[in-house]
Amino acid sequence: MGIEKMFQLLMMLENRPYVSLQDLSRECDISKRQLYRYLNILSSHNISIYYDKNYRGYKLRAGGTLSFTKLTAIEEVYLTAPTVFFMLHQEGETVFKEIFMKMKTNLKKESKTILENLIDRITSSVSFEEFYKKLHYVILEYAIEFKTSLLIWNYLESNVIKVNSPNLVFENIWLLQDLENKNINIELQDVKKIDFIV
């Protein structure tokens, strides 16, 4: 429930120039005390929220975008969200892909660290197989993009990847070829059709 309230809070701050504490508390249906806690949590993750005395309201500074990764405030919440919520949320896969693409085009050293920390948190709560099945396109590309990622590569090199899917689509044929060149064994279970889209 808490993470959903934080999403609601962020959306209000993004869509309005200034929002009073009373309005935030009323529309998010939380106490002012809890609201302060959420604001502190978001601020602790470099999401800049400040209070303007002239307008008597809260505002998300510069759209809440982190400078070096170009992530929006809501995307940053996904990086710090509870792992169960991330895995179950219907938009989780889409947002993770967007985060990954943004990080690829920005500072790779910092991006690699953030993504590895995220994956480490998720896989500490759910099995890597579950995570892989949900986000295998992104994870395979991530593993190739950052070849020094021990968390990913050690798993891929020492395990048979089992994909249970009737219609497995590899978005880029080079991705599969690159894995084959690295002698990574991909075992496809009950796959009726494989489409290669160049």
C-alpha atoms as a PDB file:
ATOM      1  CA  MET A   1       0.000   0.000   0.000  1.00  0.00           C
ATOM      2  CA  GLY A   2       2.808   2.407   0.859  1.00  0.00           C
ATOM      3  CA  ILE A   3       4.459   2.281  -2.557  1.00  0.00           C
ATOM      4  CA  GLU A   4       1.125   2.939  -4.281  1.00  0.00           C
ATOM      5  CA  LYS A   5       0.638   6.019  -2.120  1.00  0.00           C
ATOM      6  CA  MET A   6       4.109   7.224  -3.055  1.00  0.00           C
ATOM      7  CA  PHE A   7       3.273   6.809  -6.741  1.00  0.00           C
ATOM      8  CA  GLN A   8       0.077   8.778  -6.217  1.00  0.00           C
ATOM      9  CA  LEU A   9       2.007  11.454  -4.347  1.00  0.00           C
ATOM     10  CA  LEU A  10       4.600  11.741  -7.114  1.00  0.00           C
ATOM     11  CA  MET A  11       1.968  11.969  -9.830  1.00  0.00           C
ATOM     12  CA  MET A  12       0.248  14.816  -8.011  1.00  0.00           C
ATOM     13  CA  LEU A  13       3.540  16.665  -7.622  1.00  0.00           C
ATOM     14  CA  GLU A  14       4.437  16.114 -11.277  1.00  0.00           C
ATOM     15  CA  ASN A  15       1.093  17.264 -12.644  1.00  0.00           C
ATOM     16  CA  ARG A  16       0.601  20.366 -10.507  1.00  0.00           C
ATOM     17  CA  PRO A  17       2.860  23.373 -10.000  1.00  0.00           C
ATOM     18  CA  TYR A  18       2.398  23.529  -6.205  1.00  0.00           C
ATOM     19  CA  VAL A  19       0.360  21.318  -3.902  1.00  0.00           C
ATOM     20  CA  SER A  20      -0.450  22.110  -0.284  1.00  0.00           C
ATOM     21  CA  LEU A  21       0.133  19.627   2.504  1.00  0.00           C
ATOM     22  CA  GLN A  22      -3.616  19.573   3.163  1.00  0.00           C
ATOM     23  CA  ASP A  23      -4.419  18.686  -0.462  1.00  0.00           C
ATOM     24  CA  LEU A  24      -1.768  15.972  -0.575  1.00  0.00           C
ATOM     25  CA  SER A  25      -3.009  14.476   2.675  1.00  0.00           C
ATOM     26  CA  ARG A  26      -6.662  14.583   1.625  1.00  0.00           C
ATOM     27  CA  GLU A  27      -6.292  13.293  -1.943  1.00  0.00           C
ATOM     28  CA  CYS A  28      -3.812  10.560  -1.012  1.00  0.00           C
ATOM     29  CA  ASP A  29      -5.993   9.658   1.968  1.00  0.00           C
ATOM     30  CA  ILE A  30      -3.108   9.563   4.426  1.00  0.00           C
ATOM     31  CA  SER A  31      -2.305  11.467   7.598  1.00  0.00           C
ATOM     32  CA  LYS A  32       0.032  14.458   7.530  1.00  0.00           C
ATOM     33  CA  ARG A  33       2.463  12.510   9.679  1.00  0.00           C
ATOM     34  CA  GLN A  34       2.574   9.650   7.158  1.00  0.00           C
ATOM     35  CA  LEU A  35       2.858  12.167   4.339  1.00  0.00           C
ATOM     36  CA  TYR A  36       5.984  13.638   5.922  1.00  0.00           C
ATOM     37  CA  ARG A  37       7.435  10.133   6.123  1.00  0.00           C
ATOM     38  CA  TYR A  38       6.831   9.549   2.415  1.00  0.00           C
ATOM     39  CA  LEU A  39       8.359  12.906   1.518  1.00  0.00           C
ATOM     40  CA  ASN A  40      11.434  12.026   3.571  1.00  0.00           C
ATOM     41  CA  ILE A  41      11.711   8.609   1.903  1.00  0.00           C
ATOM     42  CA  LEU A  42      11.531  10.123  -1.569  1.00  0.00           C
ATOM     43  CA  SER A  43      14.025  12.844  -0.652  1.00  0.00           C
ATOM     44  CA  SER A  44      16.443  10.245   0.711  1.00  0.00           C
ATOM     45  CA  HIS A  45      16.510   8.681  -2.768  1.00  0.00           C
ATOM     46  CA  ASN A  46      17.557  11.942  -4.443  1.00  0.00           C
ATOM     47  CA  ILE A  47      14.047  12.856  -5.553  1.00  0.00           C
ATOM     48  CA  SER A  48      14.093  16.564  -4.894  1.00  0.00           C
ATOM     49  CA  ILE A  49      10.854  17.793  -3.334  1.00  0.00           C
ATOM     50  CA  TYR A  50      10.794  21.223  -1.751  1.00  0.00           C
ATOM     51  CA  TYR A  51       8.315  23.548  -0.079  1.00  0.00           C
ATOM     52  CA  ASP A  52       7.761  27.034  -1.505  1.00  0.00           C
ATOM     53  CA  LYS A  53       6.718  29.519   1.166  1.00  0.00           C
ATOM     54  CA  ASN A  54       5.385  32.034  -1.354  1.00  0.00           C
ATOM     55  CA  TYR A  55       3.027  29.532  -2.985  1.00  0.00           C
ATOM     56  CA  ARG A  56       2.527  27.566   0.237  1.00  0.00           C
ATOM     57  CA  GLY A  57       2.876  24.263  -1.524  1.00  0.00           C
ATOM     58  CA  TYR A  58       5.206  21.406  -2.395  1.00  0.00           C
ATOM     59  CA  LYS A  59       6.872  21.045  -5.765  1.00  0.00           C
ATOM     60  CA  LEU A  60       8.943  18.422  -7.555  1.00  0.00           C
ATOM     61  CA  ARG A  61      12.169  20.178  -8.528  1.00  0.00           C
ATOM     62  CA  ALA A  62      13.091  20.001 -12.230  1.00  0.00           C
ATOM     63  CA  GLY A  63      10.557  17.275 -12.888  1.00  0.00           C
ATOM     64  CA  GLY A  64      12.227  15.053 -10.329  1.00  0.00           C
ATOM     65  CA  THR A  65      14.823  13.893 -12.835  1.00  0.00           C
ATOM     66  CA  LEU A  66      18.122  12.478 -11.619  1.00  0.00           C
ATOM     67  CA  SER A  67      20.903  14.267 -13.467  1.00  0.00           C
ATOM     68  CA  PHE A  68      23.261  11.438 -14.397  1.00  0.00           C
ATOM     69  CA  THR A  69      20.690   8.775 -15.325  1.00  0.00           C
ATOM     70  CA  LYS A  70      17.920  11.007 -16.734  1.00  0.00           C
ATOM     71  CA  LEU A  71      15.346   8.966 -14.846  1.00  0.00           C
ATOM     72  CA  THR A  72      12.020  10.455 -13.896  1.00  0.00           C
ATOM     73  CA  ALA A  73      10.949  10.484 -10.276  1.00  0.00           C
ATOM     74  CA  ILE A  74       8.494   7.636 -10.837  1.00  0.00           C
ATOM     75  CA  GLU A  75      11.177   5.513 -12.517  1.00  0.00           C
ATOM     76  CA  GLU A  76      13.432   6.152  -9.535  1.00  0.00           C
ATOM     77  CA  VAL A  77      10.700   4.858  -7.225  1.00  0.00           C
ATOM     78  CA  TYR A  78      10.711   1.614  -9.227  1.00  0.00           C
ATOM     79  CA  LEU A  79      14.409   1.268  -8.427  1.00  0.00           C
ATOM     80  CA  THR A  80      13.673   1.543  -4.719  1.00  0.00           C
ATOM     81  CA  ALA A  81      10.286  -0.171  -4.631  1.00  0.00           C
ATOM     82  CA  PRO A  82       9.722  -3.376  -2.660  1.00  0.00           C
ATOM     83  CA  THR A  83      10.693  -6.318  -4.834  1.00  0.00           C
ATOM     84  CA  VAL A  84       7.334  -8.062  -4.611  1.00  0.00           C
ATOM     85  CA  PHE A  85       5.517  -4.959  -5.810  1.00  0.00           C
ATOM     86  CA  PHE A  86       7.951  -4.566  -8.694  1.00  0.00           C
ATOM     87  CA  MET A  87       7.449  -8.139  -9.838  1.00  0.00           C
ATOM     88  CA  LEU A  88       3.664  -8.052  -9.585  1.00  0.00           C
ATOM     89  CA  HIS A  89       2.970  -4.581 -10.936  1.00  0.00           C
ATOM     90  CA  GLN A  90       1.673  -4.794 -14.499  1.00  0.00           C
ATOM     91  CA  GLU A  91       3.818  -1.872 -15.648  1.00  0.00           C
ATOM     92  CA  GLY A  92       6.978  -3.212 -14.025  1.00  0.00           C
ATOM     93  CA  GLU A  93       8.401  -4.826 -17.153  1.00  0.00           C
ATOM     94  CA  THR A  94       7.774  -1.773 -19.340  1.00  0.00           C
ATOM     95  CA  VAL A  95       9.280   0.636 -16.841  1.00  0.00           C
ATOM     96  CA  PHE A  96      12.333  -1.574 -16.293  1.00  0.00           C
ATOM     97  CA  LYS A  97      12.979  -1.629 -20.044  1.00  0.00           C
ATOM     98  CA  GLU A  98      12.681   2.155 -20.217  1.00  0.00           C
ATOM     99  CA  ILE A  99      15.081   2.519 -17.300  1.00  0.00           C
ATOM    100  CA  PHE A 100      17.550   0.168 -18.974  1.00  0.00           C
ATOM    101  CA  MET A 101      17.457   2.039 -22.291  1.00  0.00           C
ATOM    102  CA  LYS A 102      18.001   5.389 -20.576  1.00  0.00           C
ATOM    103  CA  MET A 103      20.936   4.058 -18.620  1.00  0.00           C
ATOM    104  CA  LYS A 104      22.550   2.627 -21.748  1.00  0.00           C
ATOM    105  CA  THR A 105      22.709   6.122 -23.233  1.00  0.00           C
ATOM    106  CA  ASN A 106      24.118   7.771 -20.111  1.00  0.00           C
ATOM    107  CA  LEU A 107      27.030   7.112 -17.784  1.00  0.00           C
ATOM    108  CA  LYS A 108      27.506   3.372 -17.974  1.00  0.00           C
ATOM    109  CA  LYS A 109      29.557   2.978 -14.821  1.00  0.00           C
ATOM    110  CA  GLU A 110      26.863   4.433 -12.582  1.00  0.00           C
ATOM    111  CA  SER A 111      24.088   2.780 -14.580  1.00  0.00           C
ATOM    112  CA  LYS A 112      25.695  -0.625 -14.229  1.00  0.00           C
ATOM    113  CA  THR A 113      25.935  -0.230 -10.460  1.00  0.00           C
ATOM    114  CA  ILE A 114      22.323   0.891 -10.089  1.00  0.00           C
ATOM    115  CA  LEU A 115      20.961  -1.917 -12.262  1.00  0.00           C
ATOM    116  CA  GLU A 116      23.029  -4.563 -10.523  1.00  0.00           C
ATOM    117  CA  ASN A 117      21.839  -3.339  -7.139  1.00  0.00           C
ATOM    118  CA  LEU A 118      18.251  -3.471  -8.369  1.00  0.00           C
ATOM    119  CA  ILE A 119      18.608  -6.995  -9.730  1.00  0.00           C
ATOM    120  CA  ASP A 120      20.393  -8.077  -6.566  1.00  0.00           C
ATOM    121  CA  ARG A 121      17.510  -6.797  -4.421  1.00  0.00           C
ATOM    122  CA  ILE A 122      14.912  -8.481  -6.604  1.00  0.00           C
ATOM    123  CA  THR A 123      16.681 -11.829  -6.805  1.00  0.00           C
ATOM    124  CA  SER A 124      17.168 -11.861  -3.047  1.00  0.00           C
ATOM    125  CA  SER A 125      13.374 -12.100  -2.713  1.00  0.00           C
ATOM    126  CA  VAL A 126      12.439 -14.135  -5.788  1.00  0.00           C
ATOM    127  CA  SER A 127      14.359 -16.746  -7.731  1.00  0.00           C
ATOM    128  CA  PHE A 128      16.492 -15.661 -10.660  1.00  0.00           C
ATOM    129  CA  GLU A 129      14.439 -18.009 -12.851  1.00  0.00           C
ATOM    130  CA  GLU A 130      11.256 -16.084 -12.042  1.00  0.00           C
ATOM    131  CA  PHE A 131      12.943 -12.771 -12.706  1.00  0.00           C
ATOM    132  CA  TYR A 132      14.478 -14.070 -15.933  1.00  0.00           C
ATOM    133  CA  LYS A 133      11.190 -15.418 -17.291  1.00  0.00           C
ATOM    134  CA  LYS A 134       9.543 -12.046 -16.774  1.00  0.00           C
ATOM    135  CA  LEU A 135      12.312  -9.871 -18.166  1.00  0.00           C
ATOM    136  CA  HIS A 136      14.462 -12.177 -20.290  1.00  0.00           C
ATOM    137  CA  TYR A 137      14.833  -9.742 -23.207  1.00  0.00           C
ATOM    138  CA  VAL A 138      16.194  -7.030 -20.963  1.00  0.00           C
ATOM    139  CA  ILE A 139      18.341  -9.327 -18.859  1.00  0.00           C
ATOM    140  CA  LEU A 140      20.047 -10.952 -21.843  1.00  0.00           C
ATOM    141  CA  GLU A 141      20.788  -7.593 -23.408  1.00  0.00           C
ATOM    142  CA  TYR A 142      21.974  -6.265 -20.058  1.00  0.00           C
ATOM    143  CA  ALA A 143      24.307  -9.223 -19.630  1.00  0.00           C
ATOM    144  CA  ILE A 144      25.854  -8.592 -23.027  1.00  0.00           C
ATOM    145  CA  GLU A 145      26.035  -4.824 -22.594  1.00  0.00           C
ATOM    146  CA  PHE A 146      27.836  -5.063 -19.244  1.00  0.00           C
ATOM    147  CA  LYS A 147      30.017  -8.153 -19.608  1.00  0.00           C
ATOM    148  CA  THR A 148      31.659  -7.584 -16.238  1.00  0.00           C
ATOM    149  CA  SER A 149      28.399  -8.146 -14.411  1.00  0.00           C
ATOM    150  CA  LEU A 150      29.327 -11.152 -12.286  1.00  0.00           C
ATOM    151  CA  LEU A 151      25.805 -11.435 -10.932  1.00  0.00           C
ATOM    152  CA  ILE A 152      24.429 -12.111 -14.415  1.00  0.00           C
ATOM    153  CA  TRP A 153      27.330 -13.773 -16.193  1.00  0.00           C
ATOM    154  CA  ASN A 154      28.108 -16.292 -13.473  1.00  0.00           C
ATOM    155  CA  TYR A 155      24.522 -17.444 -13.616  1.00  0.00           C
ATOM    156  CA  LEU A 156      24.359 -17.626 -17.404  1.00  0.00           C
ATOM    157  CA  GLU A 157      27.684 -19.414 -17.768  1.00  0.00           C
ATOM    158  CA  SER A 158      27.015 -22.037 -15.118  1.00  0.00           C
ATOM    159  CA  ASN A 159      23.356 -22.802 -15.731  1.00  0.00           C
ATOM    160  CA  VAL A 160      21.049 -23.970 -18.464  1.00  0.00           C
ATOM    161  CA  ILE A 161      18.506 -21.271 -19.137  1.00  0.00           C
ATOM    162  CA  LYS A 162      15.074 -22.867 -19.308  1.00  0.00           C
ATOM    163  CA  VAL A 163      12.384 -20.840 -20.996  1.00  0.00           C
ATOM    164  CA  ASN A 164       8.818 -22.132 -20.827  1.00  0.00           C
ATOM    165  CA  SER A 165       7.010 -20.291 -23.585  1.00  0.00           C
ATOM    166  CA  PRO A 166       4.913 -21.364 -26.603  1.00  0.00           C
ATOM    167  CA  ASN A 167       6.012 -18.336 -28.619  1.00  0.00           C
ATOM    168  CA  LEU A 168       9.498 -17.167 -27.734  1.00  0.00           C
ATOM    169  CA  VAL A 169      10.532 -14.131 -29.745  1.00  0.00           C
ATOM    170  CA  PHE A 170      14.123 -12.889 -29.770  1.00  0.00           C
ATOM    171  CA  GLU A 171      13.904  -9.264 -30.825  1.00  0.00           C
ATOM    172  CA  ASN A 172      17.392  -9.248 -32.338  1.00  0.00           C
ATOM    173  CA  ILE A 173      19.045 -12.271 -33.861  1.00  0.00           C
ATOM    174  CA  TRP A 174      22.492 -10.965 -32.836  1.00  0.00           C
ATOM    175  CA  LEU A 175      21.463 -11.393 -29.220  1.00  0.00           C
ATOM    176  CA  LEU A 176      21.022 -15.143 -29.624  1.00  0.00           C
ATOM    177  CA  GLN A 177      24.162 -15.415 -31.731  1.00  0.00           C
ATOM    178  CA  ASP A 178      26.194 -13.600 -29.124  1.00  0.00           C
ATOM    179  CA  LEU A 179      25.012 -15.998 -26.445  1.00  0.00           C
ATOM    180  CA  GLU A 180      25.810 -19.003 -28.636  1.00  0.00           C
ATOM    181  CA  ASN A 181      29.299 -17.636 -29.303  1.00  0.00           C
ATOM    182  CA  LYS A 182      29.846 -17.554 -25.544  1.00  0.00           C
ATOM    183  CA  ASN A 183      28.781 -21.213 -25.284  1.00  0.00           C
ATOM    184  CA  ILE A 184      25.761 -20.405 -23.163  1.00  0.00           C
ATOM    185  CA  ASN A 185      23.297 -23.257 -23.366  1.00  0.00           C
ATOM    186  CA  ILE A 186      19.700 -22.141 -23.868  1.00  0.00           C
ATOM    187  CA  GLU A 187      17.191 -24.949 -23.439  1.00  0.00           C
ATOM    188  CA  LEU A 188      13.798 -24.184 -24.926  1.00  0.00           C
ATOM    189  CA  GLN A 189      10.999 -26.209 -23.371  1.00  0.00           C
ATOM    190  CA  ASP A 190       7.723 -26.725 -25.237  1.00  0.00           C
ATOM    191  CA  VAL A 191       8.505 -24.024 -27.757  1.00  0.00           C
ATOM    192  CA  LYS A 192       6.327 -24.377 -30.842  1.00  0.00           C
ATOM    193  CA  LYS A 193       7.607 -21.412 -32.806  1.00  0.00           C
ATOM    194  CA  ILE A 194      10.623 -19.136 -32.641  1.00  0.00           C
ATOM    195  CA  ASP A 195      10.494 -15.896 -34.603  1.00  0.00           C
ATOM    196  CA  PHE A 196      13.662 -13.984 -35.379  1.00  0.00           C
ATOM    197  CA  ILE A 197      13.094 -10.314 -36.010  1.00  0.00           C
ATOM    198  CA  VAL A 198      16.138  -8.504 -37.378  1.00  0.00           C
END
